[in-house]
């Protein structure tokens, strides 16, 4: 009984993906990818800056104790 349900679920998933899902066009996909790439780079730069600031503060704090 469960095996039949699994097959039915797979068939329904395939039908939904094939006929009911709207896939992006190539242009939309490229634009979205560029946006994600730019956002990732901006976030990486922000994290780098924050890391450098914390590193400088730690060197300042622990450098005064010596």
PDB file of N, CA and C in Angstrom:
ATOM      1  N   UNK A   1       0.827  -1.198   0.000  1.00  0.00           N
ATOM      2  CA  UNK A   1       0.000   0.000   0.000  1.00  0.00           C
ATOM      3  C   UNK A   1       0.871   1.261   0.000  1.00  0.00           C
ATOM      4  N   UNK A   2       1.908   1.280   0.853  1.00  0.00           N
ATOM      5  CA  UNK A   2       2.771   2.459   0.907  1.00  0.00           C
ATOM      6  C   UNK A   2       3.566   2.612  -0.380  1.00  0.00           C
ATOM      7  N   UNK A   3       3.922   1.509  -1.000  1.00  0.00           N
ATOM      8  CA  UNK A   3       4.680   1.585  -2.242  1.00  0.00           C
ATOM      9  C   UNK A   3       3.838   2.236  -3.338  1.00  0.00           C
ATOM     10  N   UNK A   4       2.567   1.919  -3.388  1.00  0.00           N
ATOM     11  CA  UNK A   4       1.689   2.531  -4.375  1.00  0.00           C
ATOM     12  C   UNK A   4       1.543   4.020  -4.125  1.00  0.00           C
ATOM     13  N   UNK A   5       1.477   4.422  -2.861  1.00  0.00           N
ATOM     14  CA  UNK A   5       1.381   5.843  -2.525  1.00  0.00           C
ATOM     15  C   UNK A   5       2.641   6.580  -2.949  1.00  0.00           C
ATOM     16  N   UNK A   6       3.794   5.937  -2.763  1.00  0.00           N
ATOM     17  CA  UNK A   6       5.056   6.553  -3.175  1.00  0.00           C
ATOM     18  C   UNK A   6       5.074   6.774  -4.688  1.00  0.00           C
ATOM     19  N   UNK A   7       4.649   5.786  -5.440  1.00  0.00           N
ATOM     20  CA  UNK A   7       4.615   5.920  -6.903  1.00  0.00           C
ATOM     21  C   UNK A   7       3.641   7.023  -7.307  1.00  0.00           C
ATOM     22  N   UNK A   8       2.488   7.067  -6.668  1.00  0.00           N
ATOM     23  CA  UNK A   8       1.503   8.110  -6.960  1.00  0.00           C
ATOM     24  C   UNK A   8       2.069   9.491  -6.646  1.00  0.00           C
ATOM     25  N   UNK A   9       2.761   9.613  -5.511  1.00  0.00           N
ATOM     26  CA  UNK A   9       3.358  10.900  -5.139  1.00  0.00           C
ATOM     27  C   UNK A   9       4.407  11.339  -6.152  1.00  0.00           C
ATOM     28  N   UNK A  10       5.211  10.410  -6.620  1.00  0.00           N
ATOM     29  CA  UNK A  10       6.239  10.737  -7.615  1.00  0.00           C
ATOM     30  C   UNK A  10       5.593  11.188  -8.916  1.00  0.00           C
ATOM     31  N   UNK A  11       4.545  10.497  -9.335  1.00  0.00           N
ATOM     32  CA  UNK A  11       3.849  10.877 -10.566  1.00  0.00           C
ATOM     33  C   UNK A  11       3.205  12.257 -10.439  1.00  0.00           C
ATOM     34  N   UNK A  12       2.607  12.541  -9.289  1.00  0.00           N
ATOM     35  CA  UNK A  12       1.993  13.850  -9.080  1.00  0.00           C
ATOM     36  C   UNK A  12       3.045  14.955  -9.048  1.00  0.00           C
ATOM     37  N   UNK A  13       4.179  14.671  -8.433  1.00  0.00           N
ATOM     38  CA  UNK A  13       5.267  15.664  -8.387  1.00  0.00           C
ATOM     39  C   UNK A  13       5.777  15.959  -9.788  1.00  0.00           C
ATOM     40  N   UNK A  14       5.949  14.914 -10.585  1.00  0.00           N
ATOM     41  CA  UNK A  14       6.416  15.099 -11.954  1.00  0.00           C
ATOM     42  C   UNK A  14       5.421  15.947 -12.757  1.00  0.00           C
ATOM     43  N   UNK A  15       4.137  15.602 -12.622  1.00  0.00           N
ATOM     44  CA  UNK A  15       3.099  16.346 -13.350  1.00  0.00           C
ATOM     45  C   UNK A  15       3.097  17.811 -12.949  1.00  0.00           C
ATOM     46  N   UNK A  16       3.231  18.070 -11.657  1.00  0.00           N
ATOM     47  CA  UNK A  16       3.236  19.462 -11.192  1.00  0.00           C
ATOM     48  C   UNK A  16       4.460  20.207 -11.713  1.00  0.00           C
ATOM     49  N   UNK A  17       5.629  19.571 -11.656  1.00  0.00           N
ATOM     50  CA  UNK A  17       6.844  20.225 -12.148  1.00  0.00           C
ATOM     51  C   UNK A  17       6.786  20.445 -13.661  1.00  0.00           C
ATOM     52  N   UNK A  18       6.190  19.515 -14.358  1.00  0.00           N
ATOM     53  CA  UNK A  18       6.174  19.585 -15.819  1.00  0.00           C
ATOM     54  C   UNK A  18       5.154  20.598 -16.343  1.00  0.00           C
ATOM     55  N   UNK A  19       3.967  20.632 -15.739  1.00  0.00           N
ATOM     56  CA  UNK A  19       2.882  21.407 -16.334  1.00  0.00           C
ATOM     57  C   UNK A  19       2.411  22.617 -15.520  1.00  0.00           C
ATOM     58  N   UNK A  20       2.681  22.641 -14.221  1.00  0.00           N
ATOM     59  CA  UNK A  20       2.140  23.716 -13.392  1.00  0.00           C
ATOM     60  C   UNK A  20       3.186  24.717 -12.914  1.00  0.00           C
ATOM     61  N   UNK A  21       4.438  24.372 -13.051  1.00  0.00           N
ATOM     62  CA  UNK A  21       5.504  25.244 -12.571  1.00  0.00           C
ATOM     63  C   UNK A  21       5.922  26.199 -13.685  1.00  0.00           C
ATOM     64  N   UNK A  22       6.076  27.468 -13.339  1.00  0.00           N
ATOM     65  CA  UNK A  22       6.568  28.422 -14.331  1.00  0.00           C
ATOM     66  C   UNK A  22       8.072  28.600 -14.114  1.00  0.00           C
ATOM     67  N   UNK A  23       8.839  28.209 -15.114  1.00  0.00           N
ATOM     68  CA  UNK A  23      10.285  28.286 -15.031  1.00  0.00           C
ATOM     69  C   UNK A  23      10.751  29.643 -15.558  1.00  0.00           C
ATOM     70  N   UNK A  24      11.825  30.185 -14.983  1.00  0.00           N
ATOM     71  CA  UNK A  24      12.314  31.488 -15.469  1.00  0.00           C
ATOM     72  C   UNK A  24      12.937  31.357 -16.857  1.00  0.00           C
ATOM     73  N   UNK A  25      12.909  32.461 -17.584  1.00  0.00           N
ATOM     74  CA  UNK A  25      13.564  32.482 -18.889  1.00  0.00           C
ATOM     75  C   UNK A  25      15.076  32.605 -18.669  1.00  0.00           C
ATOM     76  N   UNK A  26      15.823  32.428 -19.730  1.00  0.00           N
ATOM     77  CA  UNK A  26      17.280  32.519 -19.630  1.00  0.00           C
ATOM     78  C   UNK A  26      17.700  33.915 -19.168  1.00  0.00           C
ATOM     79  N   UNK A  27      17.047  34.939 -19.679  1.00  0.00           N
ATOM     80  CA  UNK A  27      17.366  36.312 -19.283  1.00  0.00           C
ATOM     81  C   UNK A  27      17.089  36.569 -17.815  1.00  0.00           C
ATOM     82  N   UNK A  28      15.935  36.077 -17.336  1.00  0.00           N
ATOM     83  CA  UNK A  28      15.597  36.235 -15.919  1.00  0.00           C
ATOM     84  C   UNK A  28      16.608  35.509 -15.035  1.00  0.00           C
ATOM     85  N   UNK A  29      17.005  34.323 -15.476  1.00  0.00           N
ATOM     86  CA  UNK A  29      17.968  33.534 -14.710  1.00  0.00           C
ATOM     87  C   UNK A  29      19.322  34.237 -14.633  1.00  0.00           C
ATOM     88  N   UNK A  30      19.757  34.823 -15.729  1.00  0.00           N
ATOM     89  CA  UNK A  30      21.042  35.537 -15.749  1.00  0.00           C
ATOM     90  C   UNK A  30      20.974  36.771 -14.849  1.00  0.00           C
ATOM     91  N   UNK A  31      19.880  37.541 -14.936  1.00  0.00           N
ATOM     92  CA  UNK A  31      19.735  38.729 -14.087  1.00  0.00           C
ATOM     93  C   UNK A  31      19.730  38.357 -12.613  1.00  0.00           C
ATOM     94  N   UNK A  32      19.001  37.309 -12.273  1.00  0.00           N
ATOM     95  CA  UNK A  32      18.947  36.873 -10.876  1.00  0.00           C
ATOM     96  C   UNK A  32      20.315  36.410 -10.388  1.00  0.00           C
ATOM     97  N   UNK A  33      21.032  35.698 -11.241  1.00  0.00           N
ATOM     98  CA  UNK A  33      22.368  35.222 -10.869  1.00  0.00           C
ATOM     99  C   UNK A  33      23.328  36.384 -10.630  1.00  0.00           C
ATOM    100  N   UNK A  34      23.247  37.408 -11.468  1.00  0.00           N
ATOM    101  CA  UNK A  34      24.112  38.583 -11.304  1.00  0.00           C
ATOM    102  C   UNK A  34      23.779  39.303  -9.999  1.00  0.00           C
ATOM    103  N   UNK A  35      22.491  39.426  -9.699  1.00  0.00           N
ATOM    104  CA  UNK A  35      22.086  40.077  -8.444  1.00  0.00           C
ATOM    105  C   UNK A  35      22.623  39.307  -7.243  1.00  0.00           C
ATOM    106  N   UNK A  36      22.520  37.977  -7.269  1.00  0.00           N
ATOM    107  CA  UNK A  36      23.020  37.155  -6.170  1.00  0.00           C
ATOM    108  C   UNK A  36      24.539  37.298  -6.054  1.00  0.00           C
ATOM    109  N   UNK A  37      25.236  37.319  -7.174  1.00  0.00           N
ATOM    110  CA  UNK A  37      26.692  37.466  -7.162  1.00  0.00           C
ATOM    111  C   UNK A  37      27.104  38.806  -6.552  1.00  0.00           C
ATOM    112  N   UNK A  38      26.449  39.887  -6.959  1.00  0.00           N
ATOM    113  CA  UNK A  38      26.770  41.217  -6.425  1.00  0.00           C
ATOM    114  C   UNK A  38      26.468  41.292  -4.934  1.00  0.00           C
ATOM    115  N   UNK A  39      25.312  40.759  -4.528  1.00  0.00           N
ATOM    116  CA  UNK A  39      24.949  40.771  -3.103  1.00  0.00           C
ATOM    117  C   UNK A  39      25.952  39.961  -2.288  1.00  0.00           C
ATOM    118  N   UNK A  40      26.395  38.824  -2.819  1.00  0.00           N
ATOM    119  CA  UNK A  40      27.380  37.998  -2.114  1.00  0.00           C
ATOM    120  C   UNK A  40      28.701  38.736  -1.944  1.00  0.00           C
ATOM    121  N   UNK A  41      29.120  39.442  -2.987  1.00  0.00           N
ATOM    122  CA  UNK A  41      30.367  40.200  -2.901  1.00  0.00           C
ATOM    123  C   UNK A  41      30.257  41.332  -1.880  1.00  0.00           C
ATOM    124  N   UNK A  42      29.132  42.022  -1.867  1.00  0.00           N
ATOM    125  CA  UNK A  42      28.936  43.110  -0.903  1.00  0.00           C
ATOM    126  C   UNK A  42      28.964  42.569   0.519  1.00  0.00           C
ATOM    127  N   UNK A  43      28.272  41.465   0.756  1.00  0.00           N
ATOM    128  CA  UNK A  43      28.259  40.869   2.094  1.00  0.00           C
ATOM    129  C   UNK A  43      29.657  40.397   2.493  1.00  0.00           C
ATOM    130  N   UNK A  44      30.402  39.833   1.545  1.00  0.00           N
ATOM    131  CA  UNK A  44      31.767  39.387   1.831  1.00  0.00           C
ATOM    132  C   UNK A  44      32.661  40.562   2.224  1.00  0.00           C
ATOM    133  N   UNK A  45      32.519  41.679   1.540  1.00  0.00           N
ATOM    134  CA  UNK A  45      33.317  42.870   1.860  1.00  0.00           C
ATOM    135  C   UNK A  45      32.942  43.404   3.241  1.00  0.00           C
ATOM    136  N   UNK A  46      31.648  43.430   3.549  1.00  0.00           N
ATOM    137  CA  UNK A  46      31.205  43.892   4.874  1.00  0.00           C
ATOM    138  C   UNK A  46      31.778  43.008   5.971  1.00  0.00           C
ATOM    139  N   UNK A  47      31.735  41.697   5.768  1.00  0.00           N
ATOM    140  CA  UNK A  47      32.289  40.772   6.773  1.00  0.00           C
ATOM    141  C   UNK A  47      33.795  40.956   6.895  1.00  0.00           C
ATOM    142  N   UNK A  48      34.492  41.173   5.786  1.00  0.00           N
ATOM    143  CA  UNK A  48      35.939  41.419   5.826  1.00  0.00           C
ATOM    144  C   UNK A  48      36.254  42.671   6.637  1.00  0.00           C
ATOM    145  N   UNK A  49      35.517  43.745   6.401  1.00  0.00           N
ATOM    146  CA  UNK A  49      35.729  44.996   7.137  1.00  0.00           C
ATOM    147  C   UNK A  49      35.473  44.787   8.630  1.00  0.00           C
ATOM    148  N   UNK A  50      34.376  44.112   8.952  1.00  0.00           N
ATOM    149  CA  UNK A  50      34.061  43.855  10.372  1.00  0.00           C
ATOM    150  C   UNK A  50      35.163  43.018  11.022  1.00  0.00           C
ATOM    151  N   UNK A  51      35.673  42.023  10.306  1.00  0.00           N
ATOM    152  CA  UNK A  51      36.741  41.183  10.833  1.00  0.00           C
ATOM    153  C   UNK A  51      38.005  41.999  11.082  1.00  0.00           C
ATOM    154  N   UNK A  52      38.335  42.892  10.158  1.00  0.00           N
ATOM    155  CA  UNK A  52      39.527  43.721  10.325  1.00  0.00           C
ATOM    156  C   UNK A  52      39.392  44.658  11.517  1.00  0.00           C
ATOM    157  N   UNK A  53      38.202  45.218  11.712  1.00  0.00           N
ATOM    158  CA  UNK A  53      37.959  46.117  12.842  1.00  0.00           C
ATOM    159  C   UNK A  53      38.095  45.366  14.155  1.00  0.00           C
ATOM    160  N   UNK A  54      37.472  44.195  14.253  1.00  0.00           N
ATOM    161  CA  UNK A  54      37.556  43.402  15.487  1.00  0.00           C
ATOM    162  C   UNK A  54      38.994  42.972  15.738  1.00  0.00           C
ATOM    163  N   UNK A  55      39.710  42.587  14.690  1.00  0.00           N
ATOM    164  CA  UNK A  55      41.115  42.197  14.837  1.00  0.00           C
ATOM    165  C   UNK A  55      41.952  43.363  15.360  1.00  0.00           C
ATOM    166  N   UNK A  56      41.728  44.557  14.816  1.00  0.00           N
ATOM    167  CA  UNK A  56      42.473  45.729  15.277  1.00  0.00           C
ATOM    168  C   UNK A  56      42.141  46.049  16.735  1.00  0.00           C
ATOM    169  N   UNK A  57      40.866  45.921  17.105  1.00  0.00           N
ATOM    170  CA  UNK A  57      40.487  46.165  18.499  1.00  0.00           C
ATOM    171  C   UNK A  57      41.128  45.151  19.444  1.00  0.00           C
ATOM    172  N   UNK A  58      41.164  43.900  19.046  1.00  0.00           N
ATOM    173  CA  UNK A  58      41.778  42.866  19.890  1.00  0.00           C
ATOM    174  C   UNK A  58      43.277  43.121  20.057  1.00  0.00           C
ATOM    175  N   UNK A  59      43.932  43.519  18.969  1.00  0.00           N
ATOM    176  CA  UNK A  59      45.373  43.836  19.073  1.00  0.00           C
ATOM    177  C   UNK A  59      45.580  45.048  19.985  1.00  0.00           C
ATOM    178  N   UNK A  60      44.701  46.020  19.896  1.00  0.00           N
ATOM    179  CA  UNK A  60      44.804  47.206  20.746  1.00  0.00           C
ATOM    180  C   UNK A  60      44.587  46.836  22.222  1.00  0.00           C
ATOM    181  N   UNK A  61      43.561  46.046  22.497  1.00  0.00           N
ATOM    182  CA  UNK A  61      43.233  45.661  23.869  1.00  0.00           C
ATOM    183  C   UNK A  61      44.331  44.806  24.470  1.00  0.00           C
ATOM    184  N   UNK A  62      44.739  43.757  23.749  1.00  0.00           N
ATOM    185  CA  UNK A  62      45.757  42.871  24.320  1.00  0.00           C
ATOM    186  C   UNK A  62      47.160  43.445  24.214  1.00  0.00           C
ATOM    187  N   UNK A  63      47.365  44.396  23.326  1.00  0.00           N
ATOM    188  CA  UNK A  63      48.684  45.038  23.224  1.00  0.00           C
ATOM    189  C   UNK A  63      48.944  45.986  24.382  1.00  0.00           C
ATOM    190  N   UNK A  64      47.892  46.579  24.966  1.00  0.00           N
ATOM    191  CA  UNK A  64      48.062  47.497  26.104  1.00  0.00           C
ATOM    192  C   UNK A  64      48.458  46.762  27.362  1.00  0.00           C
ATOM    193  N   UNK A  65      48.066  45.496  27.494  1.00  0.00           N
ATOM    194  CA  UNK A  65      48.357  44.742  28.709  1.00  0.00           C
ATOM    195  C   UNK A  65      49.803  44.281  28.792  1.00  0.00           C
ATOM    196  N   UNK A  66      50.547  44.345  27.722  1.00  0.00           N
ATOM    197  CA  UNK A  66      51.924  43.822  27.736  1.00  0.00           C
ATOM    198  C   UNK A  66      52.935  44.897  27.965  1.00  0.00           C
TER     199      UNK A  66
END
